[in-house]
N, C-alpha and C. Protein backbone atom coordinates (compact mmCIF):
# COMPACT_ATOMS: atom_id res chain seq x y z
N MET A 1 244.51 123.42 8.40
CA MET A 1 244.85 124.61 7.66
C MET A 1 244.12 125.81 8.27
N GLN A 2 244.81 126.90 8.42
CA GLN A 2 244.25 128.11 9.01
C GLN A 2 243.44 128.88 7.97
N MET A 3 242.28 129.38 8.40
CA MET A 3 241.41 130.14 7.50
C MET A 3 241.94 131.56 7.36
N THR A 4 241.71 132.15 6.19
CA THR A 4 242.10 133.54 5.96
C THR A 4 241.06 134.46 6.63
N GLY A 5 241.38 135.72 6.72
CA GLY A 5 240.44 136.68 7.28
C GLY A 5 239.14 136.71 6.50
N ALA A 6 239.22 136.68 5.18
CA ALA A 6 238.02 136.70 4.34
C ALA A 6 237.18 135.44 4.56
N GLU A 7 237.85 134.30 4.69
CA GLU A 7 237.13 133.05 4.94
C GLU A 7 236.43 133.07 6.30
N LEU A 8 237.12 133.59 7.30
CA LEU A 8 236.51 133.71 8.63
C LEU A 8 235.31 134.65 8.61
N ARG A 9 235.44 135.77 7.88
CA ARG A 9 234.32 136.71 7.73
C ARG A 9 233.13 136.01 7.09
N ASP A 10 233.38 135.35 5.97
CA ASP A 10 232.31 134.68 5.23
C ASP A 10 231.66 133.57 6.07
N ASP A 11 232.47 132.84 6.82
CA ASP A 11 231.95 131.78 7.68
C ASP A 11 231.06 132.38 8.77
N GLY A 12 231.50 133.47 9.36
CA GLY A 12 230.72 134.12 10.40
C GLY A 12 229.40 134.65 9.88
N ILE A 13 229.43 135.26 8.70
CA ILE A 13 228.20 135.76 8.09
C ILE A 13 227.25 134.61 7.80
N GLN A 14 227.77 133.52 7.26
CA GLN A 14 226.93 132.37 6.94
C GLN A 14 226.31 131.78 8.20
N ARG A 15 227.10 131.63 9.25
CA ARG A 15 226.57 131.07 10.50
C ARG A 15 225.52 131.98 11.12
N ALA A 16 225.75 133.29 11.06
CA ALA A 16 224.78 134.24 11.62
C ALA A 16 223.47 134.20 10.84
N THR A 17 223.56 134.10 9.52
CA THR A 17 222.36 134.03 8.69
C THR A 17 221.60 132.73 8.94
N GLU A 18 222.33 131.63 9.04
CA GLU A 18 221.70 130.34 9.32
C GLU A 18 221.01 130.36 10.68
N SER A 19 221.62 131.00 11.65
CA SER A 19 221.03 131.12 12.98
C SER A 19 219.73 131.92 12.92
N ALA A 20 219.72 133.00 12.14
CA ALA A 20 218.50 133.81 11.98
C ALA A 20 217.41 132.99 11.31
N GLU A 21 217.77 132.20 10.30
CA GLU A 21 216.80 131.36 9.60
C GLU A 21 216.24 130.28 10.51
N THR A 22 217.08 129.72 11.38
CA THR A 22 216.63 128.70 12.32
C THR A 22 215.64 129.31 13.31
N ALA A 23 215.96 130.49 13.79
CA ALA A 23 215.11 131.16 14.77
C ALA A 23 213.80 131.63 14.14
N SER A 24 213.86 132.05 12.88
CA SER A 24 212.68 132.59 12.20
C SER A 24 212.75 132.23 10.71
N PRO A 25 212.22 131.07 10.33
CA PRO A 25 212.29 130.65 8.93
C PRO A 25 211.76 131.73 7.98
N GLY A 26 212.51 131.99 6.91
CA GLY A 26 212.15 133.01 5.95
C GLY A 26 212.71 134.38 6.28
N TRP A 27 213.46 134.47 7.39
CA TRP A 27 214.01 135.75 7.83
C TRP A 27 214.85 136.41 6.75
N ALA A 28 215.76 135.67 6.12
CA ALA A 28 216.68 136.27 5.15
C ALA A 28 215.93 136.84 3.94
N ALA A 29 214.94 136.14 3.47
CA ALA A 29 214.16 136.64 2.32
C ALA A 29 213.41 137.91 2.68
N GLU A 30 212.84 137.93 3.87
CA GLU A 30 212.11 139.12 4.30
C GLU A 30 213.08 140.29 4.51
N ALA A 31 214.23 140.01 5.10
CA ALA A 31 215.24 141.06 5.30
C ALA A 31 215.69 141.62 3.94
N TYR A 32 215.86 140.74 2.97
CA TYR A 32 216.26 141.16 1.62
C TYR A 32 215.22 142.10 1.02
N ASP A 33 213.95 141.83 1.27
CA ASP A 33 212.89 142.70 0.77
C ASP A 33 213.02 144.11 1.33
N TYR A 34 213.45 144.23 2.59
CA TYR A 34 213.66 145.56 3.17
C TYR A 34 214.84 146.26 2.51
N VAL A 35 215.89 145.52 2.20
CA VAL A 35 217.02 146.12 1.48
C VAL A 35 216.56 146.59 0.11
N ARG A 36 215.76 145.77 -0.55
CA ARG A 36 215.23 146.14 -1.87
C ARG A 36 214.41 147.43 -1.78
N TRP A 37 213.59 147.56 -0.73
CA TRP A 37 212.78 148.77 -0.54
C TRP A 37 213.69 149.98 -0.37
N PHE A 38 214.73 149.87 0.48
CA PHE A 38 215.66 150.98 0.66
C PHE A 38 216.35 151.32 -0.65
N ALA A 39 216.73 150.32 -1.42
CA ALA A 39 217.43 150.55 -2.68
C ALA A 39 216.56 151.36 -3.65
N LYS A 40 215.29 151.12 -3.63
CA LYS A 40 214.38 151.82 -4.54
C LYS A 40 214.14 153.27 -4.15
N GLN A 41 214.45 153.65 -2.93
CA GLN A 41 214.18 155.01 -2.46
C GLN A 41 215.12 156.04 -3.08
N GLY A 42 216.28 155.60 -3.55
CA GLY A 42 217.18 156.49 -4.26
C GLY A 42 218.10 157.34 -3.39
N TYR A 43 218.22 157.01 -2.12
CA TYR A 43 219.13 157.77 -1.28
C TYR A 43 220.11 156.85 -0.57
N GLU A 44 221.16 157.43 -0.09
CA GLU A 44 222.23 156.70 0.61
C GLU A 44 221.69 156.09 1.91
N PHE A 45 222.15 154.89 2.22
CA PHE A 45 221.75 154.26 3.47
C PHE A 45 222.85 153.34 3.99
N ARG A 46 222.74 153.00 5.26
CA ARG A 46 223.63 152.05 5.92
C ARG A 46 222.81 150.84 6.34
N ALA A 47 223.44 149.70 6.47
CA ALA A 47 222.74 148.47 6.86
C ALA A 47 222.02 148.66 8.19
N GLU A 48 222.62 149.41 9.10
CA GLU A 48 221.98 149.61 10.41
C GLU A 48 220.64 150.34 10.26
N GLN A 49 220.52 151.19 9.27
CA GLN A 49 219.25 151.89 9.05
C GLN A 49 218.19 150.92 8.54
N VAL A 50 218.58 150.02 7.65
CA VAL A 50 217.65 149.01 7.15
C VAL A 50 217.23 148.11 8.31
N ARG A 51 218.19 147.68 9.09
CA ARG A 51 217.92 146.79 10.22
C ARG A 51 216.94 147.45 11.21
N ASP A 52 217.18 148.70 11.55
CA ASP A 52 216.31 149.40 12.49
C ASP A 52 214.89 149.55 11.93
N TYR A 53 214.80 149.93 10.67
CA TYR A 53 213.49 150.10 10.03
C TYR A 53 212.75 148.77 9.97
N ALA A 54 213.44 147.72 9.54
CA ALA A 54 212.81 146.41 9.41
C ALA A 54 212.29 145.91 10.75
N THR A 55 213.05 146.13 11.79
CA THR A 55 212.63 145.72 13.13
C THR A 55 211.38 146.48 13.56
N LYS A 56 211.35 147.78 13.29
CA LYS A 56 210.17 148.58 13.64
C LYS A 56 208.95 148.15 12.85
N GLN A 57 209.17 147.60 11.65
CA GLN A 57 208.06 147.14 10.82
C GLN A 57 207.62 145.72 11.18
N GLY A 58 208.33 145.07 12.10
CA GLY A 58 207.91 143.75 12.56
C GLY A 58 208.81 142.59 12.22
N LEU A 59 209.90 142.82 11.50
CA LEU A 59 210.83 141.73 11.21
C LEU A 59 211.47 141.29 12.53
N SER A 60 211.51 140.00 12.75
CA SER A 60 212.12 139.51 13.99
C SER A 60 213.60 139.89 14.04
N VAL A 61 214.07 140.14 15.22
CA VAL A 61 215.48 140.50 15.43
C VAL A 61 216.31 139.23 15.29
N ALA A 62 217.30 139.28 14.44
CA ALA A 62 218.19 138.14 14.25
C ALA A 62 219.00 137.92 15.52
N PRO A 63 219.31 136.66 15.86
CA PRO A 63 220.12 136.40 17.05
C PRO A 63 221.46 137.14 17.02
N HIS A 64 221.99 137.38 15.83
CA HIS A 64 223.24 138.11 15.66
C HIS A 64 223.05 139.14 14.56
N ALA A 65 223.37 140.40 14.85
CA ALA A 65 223.21 141.47 13.86
C ALA A 65 224.02 141.21 12.61
N ARG A 66 225.05 140.39 12.71
CA ARG A 66 225.88 140.09 11.54
C ARG A 66 225.14 139.33 10.46
N ALA A 67 223.97 138.80 10.80
CA ALA A 67 223.17 138.13 9.78
C ALA A 67 222.83 139.10 8.65
N TRP A 68 222.75 140.39 8.98
CA TRP A 68 222.49 141.39 7.95
C TRP A 68 223.63 141.47 6.94
N GLY A 69 224.82 141.08 7.33
CA GLY A 69 225.95 141.09 6.40
C GLY A 69 225.69 140.20 5.19
N GLY A 70 225.10 139.05 5.42
CA GLY A 70 224.78 138.15 4.32
C GLY A 70 223.72 138.72 3.40
N VAL A 71 222.74 139.40 3.99
CA VAL A 71 221.67 139.99 3.20
C VAL A 71 222.21 141.14 2.35
N ILE A 72 223.01 142.00 2.96
CA ILE A 72 223.60 143.12 2.23
C ILE A 72 224.56 142.63 1.15
N ARG A 73 225.37 141.63 1.48
CA ARG A 73 226.31 141.08 0.49
C ARG A 73 225.55 140.50 -0.70
N LYS A 74 224.47 139.79 -0.45
CA LYS A 74 223.68 139.22 -1.54
C LYS A 74 223.12 140.34 -2.43
N ALA A 75 222.60 141.41 -1.81
CA ALA A 75 222.05 142.52 -2.58
C ALA A 75 223.13 143.17 -3.44
N ALA A 76 224.33 143.31 -2.91
CA ALA A 76 225.43 143.90 -3.67
C ALA A 76 225.86 142.96 -4.81
N THR A 77 225.97 141.69 -4.51
CA THR A 77 226.37 140.70 -5.52
C THR A 77 225.34 140.62 -6.65
N ASN A 78 224.07 140.78 -6.29
CA ASN A 78 222.99 140.74 -7.29
C ASN A 78 222.85 142.04 -8.06
N GLY A 79 223.66 143.05 -7.72
CA GLY A 79 223.60 144.31 -8.43
C GLY A 79 222.45 145.21 -8.00
N LEU A 80 221.84 144.90 -6.88
CA LEU A 80 220.73 145.71 -6.38
C LEU A 80 221.23 147.01 -5.74
N ILE A 81 222.37 146.93 -5.06
CA ILE A 81 222.97 148.08 -4.38
C ILE A 81 224.46 148.13 -4.69
N ARG A 82 225.05 149.30 -4.46
CA ARG A 82 226.51 149.42 -4.59
C ARG A 82 227.03 150.31 -3.48
N ARG A 83 228.23 149.99 -3.03
CA ARG A 83 228.87 150.77 -1.97
C ARG A 83 229.34 152.10 -2.56
N ILE A 84 229.05 153.17 -1.84
CA ILE A 84 229.46 154.49 -2.31
C ILE A 84 230.41 155.18 -1.33
N GLY A 85 230.70 154.53 -0.24
CA GLY A 85 231.62 155.13 0.73
C GLY A 85 231.43 154.54 2.11
N PHE A 86 231.87 155.28 3.10
CA PHE A 86 231.81 154.83 4.48
C PHE A 86 231.35 155.97 5.38
N ALA A 87 230.77 155.60 6.51
CA ALA A 87 230.36 156.56 7.53
C ALA A 87 230.56 155.90 8.88
N SER A 88 230.47 156.67 9.93
CA SER A 88 230.58 156.11 11.28
C SER A 88 229.26 155.45 11.67
N CYS A 89 229.36 154.34 12.30
CA CYS A 89 228.19 153.64 12.80
C CYS A 89 227.54 154.48 13.89
N SER A 90 226.22 154.55 13.90
CA SER A 90 225.52 155.36 14.89
C SER A 90 225.28 154.62 16.20
N ASN A 91 225.48 153.32 16.22
CA ASN A 91 225.31 152.53 17.43
C ASN A 91 226.47 152.81 18.39
N PRO A 92 226.21 153.38 19.56
CA PRO A 92 227.31 153.69 20.49
C PRO A 92 228.18 152.49 20.86
N ALA A 93 227.58 151.30 20.89
CA ALA A 93 228.35 150.10 21.23
C ALA A 93 229.40 149.77 20.17
N ALA A 94 229.24 150.31 18.96
CA ALA A 94 230.20 150.06 17.88
C ALA A 94 231.35 151.05 17.89
N HIS A 95 231.34 152.01 18.82
CA HIS A 95 232.44 152.97 19.00
C HIS A 95 232.77 153.73 17.72
N ALA A 96 231.73 154.12 16.99
CA ALA A 96 231.87 154.91 15.77
C ALA A 96 232.71 154.20 14.69
N ALA A 97 232.63 152.88 14.67
CA ALA A 97 233.37 152.10 13.66
C ALA A 97 232.87 152.49 12.27
N PRO A 98 233.75 152.44 11.27
CA PRO A 98 233.30 152.75 9.91
C PRO A 98 232.41 151.63 9.36
N VAL A 99 231.34 152.03 8.72
CA VAL A 99 230.42 151.09 8.07
C VAL A 99 230.18 151.56 6.64
N SER A 100 229.81 150.64 5.80
CA SER A 100 229.56 150.95 4.39
C SER A 100 228.30 151.77 4.21
N CYS A 101 228.35 152.67 3.24
CA CYS A 101 227.18 153.40 2.78
C CYS A 101 226.80 152.82 1.43
N TRP A 102 225.53 152.64 1.22
CA TRP A 102 225.03 151.99 0.02
C TRP A 102 224.00 152.87 -0.68
N VAL A 103 223.80 152.60 -1.95
CA VAL A 103 222.73 153.24 -2.71
C VAL A 103 222.20 152.21 -3.69
N GLY A 104 220.93 152.32 -4.01
CA GLY A 104 220.34 151.41 -4.98
C GLY A 104 220.88 151.67 -6.37
N VAL A 105 220.98 150.61 -7.15
CA VAL A 105 221.44 150.71 -8.53
C VAL A 105 220.21 150.75 -9.41
N ARG A 106 220.10 151.80 -10.16
CA ARG A 106 218.93 151.94 -11.05
C ARG A 106 219.10 151.04 -12.26
N SER A 107 218.03 150.35 -12.58
CA SER A 107 218.09 149.45 -13.74
C SER A 107 217.34 150.01 -14.92
């Protein structure tokens, strides 16, 4: 049976996150803490900003940047953040692809 686009996306995110955990046990939990920190700041952000900041703070670089998709999705599912729109990715290799903009949800 052929997988749907959503299933392929979810499978890719899961595999990327598992790869990051294999390379650096505890990576996903630590990455989530950085998302939580950004959420508490009260301003709009993109996953690439969290990723860049976390790396500068010492978080190991995941073998695949898509591992951040699982972390961001978990934060959104848990009600920590919500999507407020889209912006162009600042990474030149992404060719200005649209990416989600997020903001923390105040509790």
